């Protein structure tokens, strides 16, 4: 019985290590494809939102494009401007202003999708 528990623990440990490794490799794989650095993409995004402050930024695949996506806050406003910069060309591919209501809805949808 002790051997079965040990074997199960080793198998579970191996699976967890593989999952963590896979997650790290996935992000690295995207980063290796980007021709525009995160700092350059931030500069490009901030040019579109005067006095903006980046709250979040990530590299992701969206609609077949590799993009840097930034959530930018503006002093004096509760809205967030999401700016997507093509990680290959550096061009702005989308801009969207999200109200606090939009942000709450998106957060709820994200939480629902993670369950």
N, C-alpha and C. Protein backbone atom coordinates (compact mmCIF):
# COMPACT_ATOMS: atom_id res chain seq x y z
N UNK A 1 0.82 -1.20 0.00
CA UNK A 1 0.00 0.00 0.00
C UNK A 1 0.87 1.26 0.00
N UNK A 2 1.96 1.25 0.78
CA UNK A 2 2.84 2.41 0.82
C UNK A 2 3.48 2.65 -0.54
N UNK A 3 3.79 1.60 -1.26
CA UNK A 3 4.40 1.75 -2.58
C UNK A 3 3.42 2.41 -3.54
N UNK A 4 2.14 2.03 -3.48
CA UNK A 4 1.13 2.65 -4.35
C UNK A 4 1.01 4.14 -4.08
N UNK A 5 1.03 4.53 -2.80
CA UNK A 5 0.94 5.96 -2.45
C UNK A 5 2.17 6.71 -2.95
N UNK A 6 3.34 6.08 -2.82
CA UNK A 6 4.57 6.70 -3.28
C UNK A 6 4.54 6.86 -4.80
N UNK A 7 4.10 5.82 -5.49
CA UNK A 7 4.02 5.89 -6.94
C UNK A 7 3.05 6.98 -7.37
N UNK A 8 1.91 7.06 -6.71
CA UNK A 8 0.91 8.08 -7.04
C UNK A 8 1.48 9.48 -6.80
N UNK A 9 2.20 9.65 -5.70
CA UNK A 9 2.79 10.95 -5.39
C UNK A 9 3.81 11.34 -6.45
N UNK A 10 4.61 10.39 -6.92
CA UNK A 10 5.60 10.68 -7.95
C UNK A 10 4.94 11.04 -9.27
N UNK A 11 3.89 10.31 -9.62
CA UNK A 11 3.17 10.60 -10.86
C UNK A 11 2.55 11.99 -10.80
N UNK A 12 1.88 12.31 -9.69
CA UNK A 12 1.25 13.63 -9.54
C UNK A 12 2.30 14.73 -9.57
N UNK A 13 3.41 14.52 -8.90
CA UNK A 13 4.49 15.50 -8.91
C UNK A 13 5.02 15.73 -10.32
N UNK A 14 5.18 14.66 -11.05
CA UNK A 14 5.66 14.76 -12.43
C UNK A 14 4.68 15.52 -13.31
N UNK A 15 3.40 15.25 -13.15
CA UNK A 15 2.38 15.97 -13.92
C UNK A 15 2.37 17.45 -13.59
N UNK A 16 2.49 17.78 -12.32
CA UNK A 16 2.51 19.19 -11.92
C UNK A 16 3.73 19.90 -12.51
N UNK A 17 4.88 19.24 -12.47
CA UNK A 17 6.10 19.84 -13.02
C UNK A 17 5.94 20.07 -14.52
N UNK A 18 5.33 19.12 -15.21
CA UNK A 18 5.11 19.26 -16.65
C UNK A 18 4.17 20.43 -16.94
N UNK A 19 3.13 20.59 -16.13
CA UNK A 19 2.18 21.68 -16.34
C UNK A 19 2.86 23.03 -16.13
N UNK A 20 3.64 23.16 -15.08
CA UNK A 20 4.33 24.42 -14.81
C UNK A 20 5.32 24.72 -15.92
N UNK A 21 6.05 23.72 -16.33
CA UNK A 21 7.01 23.89 -17.41
C UNK A 21 6.31 24.31 -18.70
N UNK A 22 5.18 23.70 -18.99
CA UNK A 22 4.42 24.04 -20.19
C UNK A 22 3.95 25.47 -20.17
N UNK A 23 3.51 25.94 -19.01
CA UNK A 23 3.06 27.34 -18.89
C UNK A 23 4.21 28.29 -19.14
N UNK A 24 5.36 28.00 -18.57
CA UNK A 24 6.51 28.88 -18.75
C UNK A 24 6.95 28.89 -20.21
N UNK A 25 6.95 27.74 -20.83
CA UNK A 25 7.37 27.64 -22.23
C UNK A 25 6.41 28.38 -23.14
N UNK A 26 5.10 28.31 -22.85
CA UNK A 26 4.11 29.00 -23.67
C UNK A 26 4.36 30.49 -23.72
N UNK A 27 4.61 31.10 -22.57
CA UNK A 27 4.89 32.53 -22.52
C UNK A 27 6.19 32.87 -23.22
N UNK A 28 7.20 32.03 -23.03
CA UNK A 28 8.48 32.25 -23.68
C UNK A 28 8.34 32.14 -25.19
N UNK A 29 7.49 31.20 -25.64
CA UNK A 29 7.29 31.01 -27.08
C UNK A 29 6.69 32.26 -27.70
N UNK A 30 5.70 32.86 -27.04
CA UNK A 30 5.12 34.10 -27.55
C UNK A 30 6.16 35.22 -27.56
N UNK A 31 6.89 35.34 -26.47
CA UNK A 31 7.89 36.41 -26.37
C UNK A 31 8.96 36.28 -27.46
N UNK A 32 9.32 35.06 -27.80
CA UNK A 32 10.34 34.86 -28.83
C UNK A 32 9.83 35.26 -30.21
N UNK A 33 8.51 35.31 -30.39
CA UNK A 33 7.93 35.70 -31.68
C UNK A 33 7.80 37.22 -31.82
N UNK A 34 7.76 37.93 -30.70
CA UNK A 34 7.55 39.39 -30.73
C UNK A 34 8.78 40.10 -31.27
N UNK A 35 8.56 41.02 -32.20
CA UNK A 35 9.65 41.83 -32.73
C UNK A 35 9.71 43.19 -32.04
N UNK A 36 8.60 43.55 -31.39
CA UNK A 36 8.51 44.81 -30.64
C UNK A 36 8.60 44.47 -29.16
N UNK A 37 9.52 45.11 -28.45
CA UNK A 37 9.68 44.84 -27.02
C UNK A 37 8.50 45.42 -26.24
N UNK A 38 8.34 44.94 -25.03
CA UNK A 38 7.25 45.45 -24.19
C UNK A 38 7.44 46.94 -23.94
N UNK A 39 8.66 47.37 -23.66
CA UNK A 39 8.88 48.79 -23.37
C UNK A 39 8.60 49.66 -24.60
N UNK A 40 8.95 49.18 -25.79
CA UNK A 40 8.64 49.94 -27.01
C UNK A 40 7.13 49.98 -27.24
N UNK A 41 6.45 48.87 -27.02
CA UNK A 41 5.00 48.83 -27.18
C UNK A 41 4.32 49.76 -26.16
N UNK A 42 4.85 49.82 -24.95
CA UNK A 42 4.30 50.73 -23.93
C UNK A 42 4.42 52.18 -24.41
N UNK A 43 5.57 52.53 -24.95
CA UNK A 43 5.79 53.89 -25.44
C UNK A 43 4.77 54.23 -26.54
N UNK A 44 4.56 53.28 -27.46
CA UNK A 44 3.62 53.48 -28.55
C UNK A 44 2.20 53.66 -28.00
N UNK A 45 1.81 52.81 -27.05
CA UNK A 45 0.47 52.87 -26.47
C UNK A 45 0.25 54.18 -25.72
N UNK A 46 1.25 54.60 -24.96
CA UNK A 46 1.11 55.83 -24.17
C UNK A 46 1.02 57.09 -25.03
N UNK A 47 1.54 57.03 -26.26
CA UNK A 47 1.40 58.16 -27.18
C UNK A 47 -0.07 58.42 -27.50
N UNK A 48 -0.91 57.38 -27.42
CA UNK A 48 -2.32 57.49 -27.75
C UNK A 48 -3.19 57.91 -26.56
N UNK A 49 -2.61 57.86 -25.35
CA UNK A 49 -3.37 58.21 -24.14
C UNK A 49 -2.56 59.23 -23.34
N UNK A 50 -2.74 60.52 -23.65
CA UNK A 50 -1.97 61.56 -22.96
C UNK A 50 -2.13 61.46 -21.44
N UNK A 51 -1.04 61.57 -20.72
CA UNK A 51 -0.99 61.51 -19.25
C UNK A 51 -1.41 60.14 -18.69
N UNK A 52 -1.46 59.13 -19.55
CA UNK A 52 -1.88 57.80 -19.12
C UNK A 52 -0.85 57.09 -18.26
N UNK A 53 -1.35 56.16 -17.46
CA UNK A 53 -0.52 55.33 -16.59
C UNK A 53 -0.90 53.88 -16.85
N UNK A 54 0.08 53.07 -17.26
CA UNK A 54 -0.21 51.67 -17.56
C UNK A 54 -0.46 50.91 -16.26
N UNK A 55 -1.63 50.28 -16.18
CA UNK A 55 -2.02 49.48 -15.01
C UNK A 55 -1.68 48.01 -15.23
N UNK A 56 -1.86 47.51 -16.44
CA UNK A 56 -1.58 46.12 -16.77
C UNK A 56 -1.10 46.05 -18.21
N UNK A 57 -0.28 45.05 -18.48
CA UNK A 57 0.17 44.82 -19.84
C UNK A 57 0.56 43.37 -20.02
N UNK A 58 0.17 42.81 -21.17
CA UNK A 58 0.52 41.41 -21.42
C UNK A 58 0.64 41.16 -22.91
N UNK A 59 1.40 40.13 -23.22
CA UNK A 59 1.56 39.67 -24.59
C UNK A 59 0.59 38.53 -24.80
N UNK A 60 -0.20 38.62 -25.87
CA UNK A 60 -1.19 37.58 -26.11
C UNK A 60 -1.51 37.44 -27.58
N UNK A 61 -2.10 36.29 -27.91
CA UNK A 61 -2.61 36.07 -29.27
C UNK A 61 -4.09 36.40 -29.23
N UNK A 62 -4.51 37.26 -30.14
CA UNK A 62 -5.92 37.64 -30.21
C UNK A 62 -6.29 37.81 -31.67
N UNK A 63 -7.32 37.09 -32.09
CA UNK A 63 -7.80 37.14 -33.48
C UNK A 63 -6.67 36.89 -34.47
N UNK A 64 -5.79 35.96 -34.12
CA UNK A 64 -4.70 35.58 -35.01
C UNK A 64 -3.50 36.50 -34.99
N UNK A 65 -3.56 37.57 -34.20
CA UNK A 65 -2.43 38.51 -34.11
C UNK A 65 -1.72 38.36 -32.77
N UNK A 66 -0.42 38.55 -32.79
CA UNK A 66 0.36 38.61 -31.56
C UNK A 66 0.37 40.07 -31.14
N UNK A 67 -0.19 40.37 -29.98
CA UNK A 67 -0.33 41.77 -29.56
C UNK A 67 0.17 41.98 -28.14
N UNK A 68 0.60 43.20 -27.90
CA UNK A 68 0.81 43.70 -26.55
C UNK A 68 -0.48 44.41 -26.19
N UNK A 69 -1.12 44.01 -25.11
CA UNK A 69 -2.38 44.62 -24.67
C UNK A 69 -2.14 45.36 -23.37
N UNK A 70 -2.48 46.65 -23.36
CA UNK A 70 -2.26 47.48 -22.17
C UNK A 70 -3.56 48.11 -21.69
N UNK A 71 -3.76 48.07 -20.37
CA UNK A 71 -4.86 48.80 -19.73
C UNK A 71 -4.24 50.07 -19.17
N UNK A 72 -4.74 51.21 -19.65
CA UNK A 72 -4.15 52.50 -19.29
C UNK A 72 -5.19 53.36 -18.58
N UNK A 73 -4.82 53.82 -17.38
CA UNK A 73 -5.67 54.72 -16.60
C UNK A 73 -5.28 56.16 -16.92
N UNK A 74 -6.26 57.05 -16.80
CA UNK A 74 -6.01 58.47 -17.00
C UNK A 74 -6.41 59.20 -15.73
N UNK A 75 -5.52 60.04 -15.18
CA UNK A 75 -5.86 60.79 -13.98
C UNK A 75 -7.15 61.58 -14.16
N UNK A 76 -8.02 61.52 -13.14
CA UNK A 76 -9.28 62.25 -13.19
C UNK A 76 -10.41 61.48 -13.86
N UNK A 77 -10.14 60.25 -14.26
CA UNK A 77 -11.17 59.44 -14.91
C UNK A 77 -11.16 58.03 -14.32
N UNK A 78 -12.33 57.43 -14.23
CA UNK A 78 -12.42 56.04 -13.76
C UNK A 78 -12.39 55.06 -14.93
N UNK A 79 -12.42 55.60 -16.15
CA UNK A 79 -12.36 54.75 -17.33
C UNK A 79 -10.94 54.21 -17.54
N UNK A 80 -10.87 53.09 -18.23
CA UNK A 80 -9.59 52.48 -18.61
C UNK A 80 -9.58 52.42 -20.14
N UNK A 81 -8.47 52.84 -20.73
CA UNK A 81 -8.32 52.71 -22.17
C UNK A 81 -7.46 51.49 -22.45
N UNK A 82 -8.02 50.54 -23.19
CA UNK A 82 -7.25 49.36 -23.59
C UNK A 82 -6.66 49.65 -24.96
N UNK A 83 -5.34 49.54 -25.05
CA UNK A 83 -4.64 49.78 -26.31
C UNK A 83 -3.90 48.50 -26.68
N UNK A 84 -4.14 48.03 -27.91
CA UNK A 84 -3.48 46.83 -28.41
C UNK A 84 -2.48 47.23 -29.49
N UNK A 85 -1.24 46.81 -29.27
CA UNK A 85 -0.15 47.12 -30.19
C UNK A 85 0.31 45.82 -30.83
N UNK A 86 0.36 45.79 -32.17
CA UNK A 86 0.84 44.61 -32.89
C UNK A 86 2.30 44.37 -32.48
N UNK A 87 2.59 43.18 -31.97
CA UNK A 87 3.93 42.86 -31.45
C UNK A 87 4.93 42.60 -32.57
N UNK A 88 4.46 42.56 -33.81
CA UNK A 88 5.36 42.36 -34.95
C UNK A 88 5.66 43.69 -35.63
N UNK A 89 4.61 44.50 -35.87
CA UNK A 89 4.79 45.74 -36.63
C UNK A 89 4.87 47.00 -35.78
N UNK A 90 4.34 46.96 -34.55
CA UNK A 90 4.31 48.14 -33.69
C UNK A 90 3.13 49.06 -33.96
N UNK A 91 2.23 48.64 -34.84
CA UNK A 91 1.05 49.46 -35.14
C UNK A 91 -0.04 49.24 -34.11
N UNK A 92 -0.81 50.29 -33.83
CA UNK A 92 -1.98 50.18 -32.96
C UNK A 92 -3.04 49.42 -33.76
N UNK A 93 -3.53 48.30 -33.20
CA UNK A 93 -4.55 47.53 -33.91
C UNK A 93 -5.93 47.69 -33.29
N UNK A 94 -6.00 48.20 -32.06
CA UNK A 94 -7.30 48.44 -31.42
C UNK A 94 -7.13 49.36 -30.23
N UNK A 95 -8.16 50.17 -30.01
CA UNK A 95 -8.26 51.01 -28.82
C UNK A 95 -9.70 50.97 -28.36
N UNK A 96 -9.90 50.82 -27.08
CA UNK A 96 -11.25 50.72 -26.54
C UNK A 96 -11.28 51.36 -25.16
N UNK A 97 -12.27 52.21 -24.91
CA UNK A 97 -12.44 52.82 -23.59
C UNK A 97 -13.46 51.99 -22.82
N UNK A 98 -13.05 51.55 -21.63
CA UNK A 98 -13.92 50.74 -20.79
C UNK A 98 -14.34 51.54 -19.56
N UNK A 99 -15.65 51.62 -19.34
CA UNK A 99 -16.18 52.27 -18.15
C UNK A 99 -16.01 51.33 -16.96
N UNK A 100 -16.20 51.83 -15.74
CA UNK A 100 -16.14 50.93 -14.58
C UNK A 100 -17.13 49.77 -14.70
N UNK A 101 -18.28 50.02 -15.30
CA UNK A 101 -19.27 48.95 -15.50
C UNK A 101 -18.73 47.89 -16.46
N UNK A 102 -18.11 48.35 -17.55
CA UNK A 102 -17.50 47.42 -18.52
C UNK A 102 -16.42 46.59 -17.85
N UNK A 103 -15.60 47.25 -17.01
CA UNK A 103 -14.51 46.56 -16.33
C UNK A 103 -15.04 45.49 -15.38
N UNK A 104 -16.12 45.80 -14.65
CA UNK A 104 -16.72 44.83 -13.73
C UNK A 104 -17.27 43.64 -14.50
N UNK A 105 -17.92 43.91 -15.62
CA UNK A 105 -18.48 42.83 -16.44
C UNK A 105 -17.36 41.93 -16.97
N UNK A 106 -16.29 42.53 -17.46
CA UNK A 106 -15.15 41.76 -17.97
C UNK A 106 -14.51 40.91 -16.88
N UNK A 107 -14.38 41.49 -15.69
CA UNK A 107 -13.80 40.77 -14.56
C UNK A 107 -14.67 39.56 -14.19
N UNK A 108 -15.99 39.75 -14.19
CA UNK A 108 -16.91 38.65 -13.88
C UNK A 108 -16.83 37.56 -14.94
N UNK A 109 -16.74 37.95 -16.20
CA UNK A 109 -16.62 36.97 -17.28
C UNK A 109 -15.31 36.20 -17.19
N UNK A 110 -14.23 36.90 -16.86
CA UNK A 110 -12.93 36.24 -16.69
C UNK A 110 -12.98 35.22 -15.55
N UNK A 111 -13.60 35.62 -14.44
CA UNK A 111 -13.71 34.73 -13.28
C UNK A 111 -14.54 33.50 -13.62
N UNK A 112 -15.58 33.72 -14.39
CA UNK A 112 -16.47 32.61 -14.80
C UNK A 112 -15.72 31.64 -15.71
N UNK A 113 -14.89 32.17 -16.59
CA UNK A 113 -14.14 31.35 -17.53
C UNK A 113 -13.04 30.54 -16.88
N UNK A 114 -12.56 30.98 -15.73
CA UNK A 114 -11.46 30.29 -15.03
C UNK A 114 -11.95 29.14 -14.18
N UNK A 115 -13.26 29.03 -13.97
CA UNK A 115 -13.80 27.96 -13.12
C UNK A 115 -13.87 26.66 -13.86
